[in-house]
PDB file of N, CA and C in Angstrom:
ATOM      1  N   MET A   1     -96.623  61.466  41.691  1.00  0.00           N
ATOM      2  CA  MET A   1     -96.707  59.959  41.022  1.00  0.00           C
ATOM      3  C   MET A   1     -96.925  59.124  42.349  1.00  0.00           C
ATOM      4  N   ASP A   2     -97.368  58.286  42.525  1.00  0.00           N
ATOM      5  CA  ASP A   2     -97.719  56.858  43.306  1.00  0.00           C
ATOM      6  C   ASP A   2     -96.131  56.102  43.102  1.00  0.00           C
ATOM      7  N   TYR A   3     -95.818  55.976  44.360  1.00  0.00           N
ATOM      8  CA  TYR A   3     -94.947  55.090  44.619  1.00  0.00           C
ATOM      9  C   TYR A   3     -94.915  54.141  45.950  1.00  0.00           C
ATOM     10  N   GLY A   4     -93.808  53.171  45.517  1.00  0.00           N
ATOM     11  CA  GLY A   4     -93.418  52.305  47.257  1.00  0.00           C
ATOM     12  C   GLY A   4     -92.601  52.059  47.009  1.00  0.00           C
ATOM     13  N   LEU A   5     -91.703  51.491  48.631  1.00  0.00           N
ATOM     14  CA  LEU A   5     -90.665  51.234  49.029  1.00  0.00           C
ATOM     15  C   LEU A   5     -90.178  49.616  49.339  1.00  0.00           C
ATOM     16  N   THR A   6     -89.295  49.282  48.830  1.00  0.00           N
ATOM     17  CA  THR A   6     -88.367  48.147  48.972  1.00  0.00           C
ATOM     18  C   THR A   6     -88.192  47.898  50.437  1.00  0.00           C
ATOM     19  N   ASN A   7     -87.823  46.860  51.034  1.00  0.00           N
ATOM     20  CA  ASN A   7     -87.513  46.858  52.606  1.00  0.00           C
ATOM     21  C   ASN A   7     -86.128  47.634  52.995  1.00  0.00           C
ATOM     22  N   HIS A   8     -85.087  47.346  51.442  1.00  0.00           N
ATOM     23  CA  HIS A   8     -84.238  47.940  51.456  1.00  0.00           C
ATOM     24  C   HIS A   8     -83.981  49.466  51.770  1.00  0.00           C
ATOM     25  N   ALA A   9     -85.004  50.025  50.358  1.00  0.00           N
ATOM     26  CA  ALA A   9     -85.305  51.810  50.515  1.00  0.00           C
ATOM     27  C   ALA A   9     -85.334  52.035  51.655  1.00  0.00           C
ATOM     28  N   ARG A  10     -86.441  51.328  52.370  1.00  0.00           N
ATOM     29  CA  ARG A  10     -87.114  51.791  53.757  1.00  0.00           C
ATOM     30  C   ARG A  10     -85.824  52.042  54.952  1.00  0.00           C
ATOM     31  N   GLN A  11     -84.848  50.493  54.555  1.00  0.00           N
ATOM     32  CA  GLN A  11     -83.497  50.316  55.602  1.00  0.00           C
ATOM     33  C   GLN A  11     -83.091  51.893  55.730  1.00  0.00           C
ATOM     34  N   ARG A  12     -82.111  52.085  54.389  1.00  0.00           N
ATOM     35  CA  ARG A  12     -81.424  53.259  54.029  1.00  0.00           C
ATOM     36  C   ARG A  12     -82.128  54.744  54.290  1.00  0.00           C
ATOM     37  N   ILE A  13     -83.539  54.556  53.790  1.00  0.00           N
ATOM     38  CA  ILE A  13     -84.326  56.081  54.817  1.00  0.00           C
ATOM     39  C   ILE A  13     -83.964  56.081  56.293  1.00  0.00           C
ATOM     40  N   LYS A  14     -83.936  55.250  56.635  1.00  0.00           N
ATOM     41  CA  LYS A  14     -83.857  54.974  58.460  1.00  0.00           C
ATOM     42  C   LYS A  14     -82.449  54.994  58.382  1.00  0.00           C
ATOM     43  N   GLU A  15     -81.481  54.648  57.979  1.00  0.00           N
ATOM     44  CA  GLU A  15     -80.095  54.846  58.303  1.00  0.00           C
ATOM     45  C   GLU A  15     -79.872  55.967  57.897  1.00  0.00           C
ATOM     46  N   ARG A  16     -80.092  56.831  56.706  1.00  0.00           N
ATOM     47  CA  ARG A  16     -79.672  58.034  56.374  1.00  0.00           C
ATOM     48  C   ARG A  16     -80.271  59.473  56.996  1.00  0.00           C
ATOM     49  N   ASN A  17     -81.313  59.104  57.528  1.00  0.00           N
ATOM     50  CA  ASN A  17     -82.105  60.028  58.395  1.00  0.00           C
ATOM     51  C   ASN A  17     -82.874  60.710  57.767  1.00  0.00           C
ATOM     52  N   ILE A  18     -83.618  60.371  56.414  1.00  0.00           N
ATOM     53  CA  ILE A  18     -83.922  60.750  55.688  1.00  0.00           C
ATOM     54  C   ILE A  18     -85.438  61.492  55.895  1.00  0.00           C
ATOM     55  N   SER A  19     -86.237  62.299  55.762  1.00  0.00           N
ATOM     56  CA  SER A  19     -87.699  62.448  56.198  1.00  0.00           C
ATOM     57  C   SER A  19     -88.273  61.845  54.328  1.00  0.00           C
ATOM     58  N   ILE A  20     -89.432  61.223  54.965  1.00  0.00           N
ATOM     59  CA  ILE A  20     -90.543  60.935  54.216  1.00  0.00           C
ATOM     60  C   ILE A  20     -90.767  61.875  53.073  1.00  0.00           C
ATOM     61  N   LYS A  21     -91.067  63.445  53.667  1.00  0.00           N
ATOM     62  CA  LYS A  21     -91.489  64.514  52.722  1.00  0.00           C
ATOM     63  C   LYS A  21     -90.376  64.917  51.729  1.00  0.00           C
ATOM     64  N   LEU A  22     -89.312  64.574  52.434  1.00  0.00           N
ATOM     65  CA  LEU A  22     -88.217  64.909  50.907  1.00  0.00           C
ATOM     66  C   LEU A  22     -88.382  63.791  50.065  1.00  0.00           C
ATOM     67  N   VAL A  23     -88.277  62.465  50.390  1.00  0.00           N
ATOM     68  CA  VAL A  23     -88.891  61.285  49.134  1.00  0.00           C
ATOM     69  C   VAL A  23     -89.588  61.588  48.388  1.00  0.00           C
ATOM     70  N   GLU A  24     -90.974  61.876  49.257  1.00  0.00           N
ATOM     71  CA  GLU A  24     -92.247  62.752  48.133  1.00  0.00           C
ATOM     72  C   GLU A  24     -92.101  63.734  47.394  1.00  0.00           C
ATOM     73  N   GLU A  25     -91.002  64.854  48.023  1.00  0.00           N
ATOM     74  CA  GLU A  25     -90.677  66.175  47.325  1.00  0.00           C
ATOM     75  C   GLU A  25     -89.701  65.572  45.658  1.00  0.00           C
ATOM     76  N   ALA A  26     -89.054  64.546  45.994  1.00  0.00           N
ATOM     77  CA  ALA A  26     -88.104  64.333  45.041  1.00  0.00           C
ATOM     78  C   ALA A  26     -88.862  63.560  43.949  1.00  0.00           C
ATOM     79  N   VAL A  27     -89.669  62.576  44.631  1.00  0.00           N
ATOM     80  CA  VAL A  27     -90.424  61.681  42.996  1.00  0.00           C
ATOM     81  C   VAL A  27     -91.095  62.732  42.667  1.00  0.00           C
ATOM     82  N   SER A  28     -92.325  63.822  43.391  1.00  0.00           N
ATOM     83  CA  SER A  28     -93.050  64.813  42.312  1.00  0.00           C
ATOM     84  C   SER A  28     -91.705  65.669  41.693  1.00  0.00           C
ATOM     85  N   ASN A  29     -91.174  65.803  42.269  1.00  0.00           N
ATOM     86  CA  ASN A  29     -90.473  66.894  41.730  1.00  0.00           C
ATOM     87  C   ASN A  29     -89.027  66.886  41.555  1.00  0.00           C
ATOM     88  N   PRO A  30     -88.971  66.248  40.921  1.00  0.00           N
ATOM     89  CA  PRO A  30     -86.818  65.647  40.988  1.00  0.00           C
ATOM     90  C   PRO A  30     -86.164  66.912  40.056  1.00  0.00           C
ATOM     91  N   THR A  31     -84.812  67.289  40.639  1.00  0.00           N
ATOM     92  CA  THR A  31     -83.972  68.030  39.719  1.00  0.00           C
ATOM     93  C   THR A  31     -83.929  67.597  38.436  1.00  0.00           C
ATOM     94  N   LYS A  32     -83.675  66.526  38.424  1.00  0.00           N
ATOM     95  CA  LYS A  32     -82.933  65.803  37.227  1.00  0.00           C
ATOM     96  C   LYS A  32     -83.596  64.528  36.990  1.00  0.00           C
ATOM     97  N   ILE A  33     -83.939  63.577  35.586  1.00  0.00           N
ATOM     98  CA  ILE A  33     -83.977  62.434  35.844  1.00  0.00           C
ATOM     99  C   ILE A  33     -83.244  61.943  34.869  1.00  0.00           C
ATOM    100  N   SER A  34     -82.317  60.572  35.319  1.00  0.00           N
ATOM    101  CA  SER A  34     -81.484  59.819  34.295  1.00  0.00           C
ATOM    102  C   SER A  34     -81.771  58.554  34.156  1.00  0.00           C
ATOM    103  N   VAL A  35     -81.596  57.289  33.504  1.00  0.00           N
ATOM    104  CA  VAL A  35     -81.910  56.239  33.281  1.00  0.00           C
ATOM    105  C   VAL A  35     -80.261  55.667  32.952  1.00  0.00           C
ATOM    106  N   ASP A  36     -79.973  54.268  33.770  1.00  0.00           N
ATOM    107  CA  ASP A  36     -79.053  53.422  33.813  1.00  0.00           C
ATOM    108  C   ASP A  36     -79.327  52.701  32.504  1.00  0.00           C
ATOM    109  N   SER A  37     -78.083  52.211  32.255  1.00  0.00           N
ATOM    110  CA  SER A  37     -77.988  50.793  31.339  1.00  0.00           C
ATOM    111  C   SER A  37     -78.789  49.604  31.356  1.00  0.00           C
ATOM    112  N   LYS A  38     -79.486  49.599  32.436  1.00  0.00           N
ATOM    113  CA  LYS A  38     -80.424  48.517  32.869  1.00  0.00           C
ATOM    114  C   LYS A  38     -82.000  48.951  33.134  1.00  0.00           C
ATOM    115  N   GLY A  39     -82.419  50.132  32.722  1.00  0.00           N
ATOM    116  CA  GLY A  39     -83.236  50.643  32.445  1.00  0.00           C
ATOM    117  C   GLY A  39     -83.836  51.404  33.592  1.00  0.00           C
ATOM    118  N   VAL A  40     -83.051  51.052  34.919  1.00  0.00           N
ATOM    119  CA  VAL A  40     -83.589  51.950  36.009  1.00  0.00           C
ATOM    120  C   VAL A  40     -83.145  53.654  36.304  1.00  0.00           C
ATOM    121  N   LEU A  41     -84.600  54.168  36.674  1.00  0.00           N
ATOM    122  CA  LEU A  41     -84.426  55.125  36.834  1.00  0.00           C
ATOM    123  C   LEU A  41     -83.391  56.024  37.450  1.00  0.00           C
ATOM    124  N   ILE A  42     -82.802  56.954  37.615  1.00  0.00           N
ATOM    125  CA  ILE A  42     -82.254  57.799  39.081  1.00  0.00           C
ATOM    126  C   ILE A  42     -82.809  58.904  38.929  1.00  0.00           C
ATOM    127  N   LEU A  43     -83.852  59.441  40.094  1.00  0.00           N
ATOM    128  CA  LEU A  43     -84.602  60.495  40.507  1.00  0.00           C
ATOM    129  C   LEU A  43     -83.371  60.900  41.361  1.00  0.00           C
ATOM    130  N   LYS A  44     -82.888  62.621  40.755  1.00  0.00           N
ATOM    131  CA  LYS A  44     -81.964  63.492  41.566  1.00  0.00           C
ATOM    132  C   LYS A  44     -82.686  64.642  41.983  1.00  0.00           C
ATOM    133  N   LYS A  45     -82.497  64.707  43.349  1.00  0.00           N
ATOM    134  CA  LYS A  45     -83.636  65.845  43.635  1.00  0.00           C
ATOM    135  C   LYS A  45     -81.889  66.641  45.007  1.00  0.00           C
ATOM    136  N   ALA A  46     -81.553  67.901  44.187  1.00  0.00           N
ATOM    137  CA  ALA A  46     -80.890  68.673  45.207  1.00  0.00           C
ATOM    138  C   ALA A  46     -81.528  69.386  46.461  1.00  0.00           C
ATOM    139  N   VAL A  47     -80.844  69.300  47.595  1.00  0.00           N
ATOM    140  CA  VAL A  47     -82.008  69.607  48.719  1.00  0.00           C
ATOM    141  C   VAL A  47     -81.053  69.935  49.912  1.00  0.00           C
ATOM    142  N   LEU A  48     -81.548  70.441  50.850  1.00  0.00           N
ATOM    143  CA  LEU A  48     -80.748  71.381  51.660  1.00  0.00           C
ATOM    144  C   LEU A  48     -80.773  70.540  53.441  1.00  0.00           C
ATOM    145  N   ILE A  49     -80.224  69.941  53.685  1.00  0.00           N
ATOM    146  CA  ILE A  49     -80.455  69.188  55.002  1.00  0.00           C
ATOM    147  C   ILE A  49     -79.430  69.878  56.055  1.00  0.00           C
ATOM    148  N   LYS A  50     -80.134  70.190  57.108  1.00  0.00           N
ATOM    149  CA  LYS A  50     -79.513  71.336  58.188  1.00  0.00           C
ATOM    150  C   LYS A  50     -78.448  71.947  57.709  1.00  0.00           C
ATOM    151  N   GLY A  51     -79.143  72.753  56.620  1.00  0.00           N
ATOM    152  CA  GLY A  51     -78.468  74.010  56.214  1.00  0.00           C
ATOM    153  C   GLY A  51     -77.309  73.596  54.972  1.00  0.00           C
ATOM    154  N   LYS A  52     -77.317  72.182  54.672  1.00  0.00           N
ATOM    155  CA  LYS A  52     -75.889  72.166  53.945  1.00  0.00           C
ATOM    156  C   LYS A  52     -76.664  71.678  52.560  1.00  0.00           C
ATOM    157  N   ARG A  53     -76.062  71.706  51.474  1.00  0.00           N
ATOM    158  CA  ARG A  53     -76.732  71.236  50.417  1.00  0.00           C
ATOM    159  C   ARG A  53     -76.576  69.749  49.719  1.00  0.00           C
ATOM    160  N   ARG A  54     -77.464  69.053  50.020  1.00  0.00           N
ATOM    161  CA  ARG A  54     -77.172  67.556  49.609  1.00  0.00           C
ATOM    162  C   ARG A  54     -78.082  67.434  48.427  1.00  0.00           C
ATOM    163  N   LEU A  55     -77.847  66.026  47.824  1.00  0.00           N
ATOM    164  CA  LEU A  55     -78.411  65.359  46.987  1.00  0.00           C
ATOM    165  C   LEU A  55     -78.866  63.967  47.066  1.00  0.00           C
ATOM    166  N   LEU A  56     -80.252  63.728  46.722  1.00  0.00           N
ATOM    167  CA  LEU A  56     -81.112  62.938  46.861  1.00  0.00           C
ATOM    168  C   LEU A  56     -80.709  61.925  45.512  1.00  0.00           C
ATOM    169  N   LEU A  57     -80.179  60.850  45.517  1.00  0.00           N
ATOM    170  CA  LEU A  57     -80.102  59.879  44.279  1.00  0.00           C
ATOM    171  C   LEU A  57     -81.733  58.585  44.754  1.00  0.00           C
ATOM    172  N   ILE A  58     -82.598  58.715  43.655  1.00  0.00           N
ATOM    173  CA  ILE A  58     -83.806  57.871  44.100  1.00  0.00           C
ATOM    174  C   ILE A  58     -83.495  56.697  42.923  1.00  0.00           C
ATOM    175  N   ALA A  59     -83.266  55.484  42.854  1.00  0.00           N
ATOM    176  CA  ALA A  59     -83.186  54.198  41.930  1.00  0.00           C
ATOM    177  C   ALA A  59     -84.090  53.744  42.547  1.00  0.00           C
ATOM    178  N   GLY A  60     -85.353  53.289  41.253  1.00  0.00           N
ATOM    179  CA  GLY A  60     -86.137  52.695  40.775  1.00  0.00           C
ATOM    180  C   GLY A  60     -86.990  52.204  39.477  1.00  0.00           C
ATOM    181  N   GLN A  61     -87.491  51.606  39.294  1.00  0.00           N
ATOM    182  CA  GLN A  61     -88.475  51.089  38.547  1.00  0.00           C
ATOM    183  C   GLN A  61     -90.088  51.714  38.367  1.00  0.00           C
ATOM    184  N   VAL A  62     -90.650  51.803  37.296  1.00  0.00           N
ATOM    185  CA  VAL A  62     -92.176  52.433  36.743  1.00  0.00           C
ATOM    186  C   VAL A  62     -92.733  50.813  37.100  1.00  0.00           C
ATOM    187  N   ARG A  63     -93.770  50.493  37.530  1.00  0.00           N
ATOM    188  CA  ARG A  63     -94.059  49.112  37.326  1.00  0.00           C
ATOM    189  C   ARG A  63     -95.862  49.006  37.787  1.00  0.00           C
ATOM    190  N   GLU A  64     -96.584  48.903  36.810  1.00  0.00           N
ATOM    191  CA  GLU A  64     -97.839  49.002  37.088  1.00  0.00           C
ATOM    192  C   GLU A  64     -98.649  50.385  37.539  1.00  0.00           C
ATOM    193  N   ASN A  65     -98.484  51.275  36.714  1.00  0.00           N
ATOM    194  CA  ASN A  65     -98.389  52.799  36.961  1.00  0.00           C
ATOM    195  C   ASN A  65     -97.528  53.301  38.618  1.00  0.00           C
ATOM    196  N   LYS A  66     -96.918  52.346  39.207  1.00  0.00           N
ATOM    197  CA  LYS A  66     -96.055  52.763  40.404  1.00  0.00           C
ATOM    198  C   LYS A  66     -94.803  52.807  40.093  1.00  0.00           C
ATOM    199  N   PHE A  67     -94.193  53.632  40.780  1.00  0.00           N
ATOM    200  CA  PHE A  67     -92.744  53.810  40.852  1.00  0.00           C
ATOM    201  C   PHE A  67     -92.179  53.110  42.024  1.00  0.00           C
ATOM    202  N   LYS A  68     -91.213  52.080  41.759  1.00  0.00           N
ATOM    203  CA  LYS A  68     -91.270  51.173  42.915  1.00  0.00           C
ATOM    204  C   LYS A  68     -89.671  51.591  43.039  1.00  0.00           C
ATOM    205  N   ILE A  69     -89.069  51.923  44.455  1.00  0.00           N
ATOM    206  CA  ILE A  69     -88.049  52.285  44.683  1.00  0.00           C
ATOM    207  C   ILE A  69     -87.181  51.649  45.212  1.00  0.00           C
ATOM    208  N   PHE A  70     -86.071  51.222  44.539  1.00  0.00           N
ATOM    209  CA  PHE A  70     -85.025  50.154  45.192  1.00  0.00           C
ATOM    210  C   PHE A  70     -84.236  50.772  45.957  1.00  0.00           C
ATOM    211  N   THR A  71     -83.613  51.766  46.080  1.00  0.00           N
ATOM    212  CA  THR A  71     -82.843  52.459  47.364  1.00  0.00           C
ATOM    213  C   THR A  71     -82.317  53.839  47.073  1.00  0.00           C
ATOM    214  N   ILE A  72     -82.136  54.463  47.765  1.00  0.00           N
ATOM    215  CA  ILE A  72     -82.253  56.132  48.455  1.00  0.00           C
ATOM    216  C   ILE A  72     -80.343  56.357  48.884  1.00  0.00           C
ATOM    217  N   ILE A  73     -80.186  57.247  47.638  1.00  0.00           N
ATOM    218  CA  ILE A  73     -78.355  57.621  48.436  1.00  0.00           C
ATOM    219  C   ILE A  73     -78.566  59.156  48.690  1.00  0.00           C
ATOM    220  N   ASP A  74     -77.654  59.437  49.748  1.00  0.00           N
ATOM    221  CA  ASP A  74     -77.559  60.909  50.157  1.00  0.00           C
ATOM    222  C   ASP A  74     -76.246  61.224  49.950  1.00  0.00           C
ATOM    223  N   THR A  75     -75.703  62.048  49.131  1.00  0.00           N
ATOM    224  CA  THR A  75     -74.708  62.611  49.017  1.00  0.00           C
ATOM    225  C   THR A  75     -74.256  64.066  48.974  1.00  0.00           C
ATOM    226  N   SER A  76     -73.183  64.273  49.325  1.00  0.00           N
ATOM    227  CA  SER A  76     -72.407  65.569  49.543  1.00  0.00           C
ATOM    228  C   SER A  76     -72.217  66.243  47.890  1.00  0.00           C
ATOM    229  N   LYS A  77     -71.755  64.708  47.311  1.00  0.00           N
ATOM    230  CA  LYS A  77     -71.175  65.524  46.272  1.00  0.00           C
ATOM    231  C   LYS A  77     -72.260  66.000  45.247  1.00  0.00           C
ATOM    232  N   VAL A  78     -72.601  66.830  45.309  1.00  0.00           N
ATOM    233  CA  VAL A  78     -73.597  67.394  44.558  1.00  0.00           C
ATOM    234  C   VAL A  78     -73.336  67.592  42.817  1.00  0.00           C
ATOM    235  N   LYS A  79     -72.321  68.465  42.567  1.00  0.00           N
ATOM    236  CA  LYS A  79     -71.762  68.695  41.239  1.00  0.00           C
ATOM    237  C   LYS A  79     -71.125  67.469  40.631  1.00  0.00           C
ATOM    238  N   LYS A  80     -70.734  66.317  40.949  1.00  0.00           N
ATOM    239  CA  LYS A  80     -70.600  65.362  40.744  1.00  0.00           C
ATOM    240  C   LYS A  80     -71.455  64.485  39.936  1.00  0.00           C
ATOM    241  N   TYR A  81     -72.617  64.106  40.449  1.00  0.00           N
ATOM    242  CA  TYR A  81     -73.692  63.397  40.524  1.00  0.00           C
ATOM    243  C   TYR A  81     -74.813  64.359  39.633  1.00  0.00           C
ATOM    244  N   LEU A  82     -74.793  65.468  39.603  1.00  0.00           N
ATOM    245  CA  LEU A  82     -75.804  66.513  38.881  1.00  0.00           C
ATOM    246  C   LEU A  82     -75.512  67.270  37.659  1.00  0.00           C
TER     247      LEU A  82
END
């Protein structure tokens, strides 16, 4: 799926040292997809970062056949959110 990043999402990627490759993998092949009460898609992807199991949470909406990513969260609480 084609995607775009908001400035906020770009900042979070940089702050959290998340590779664009991981973002692309999560968008193209998420482990789980959910939708919040406001219609925001949450793509969840279990990944290994530096040998540790992590979960990427990518929030956004589909607009004009493009997934617009609002923010990206990297958490160690895999079981809690997956």
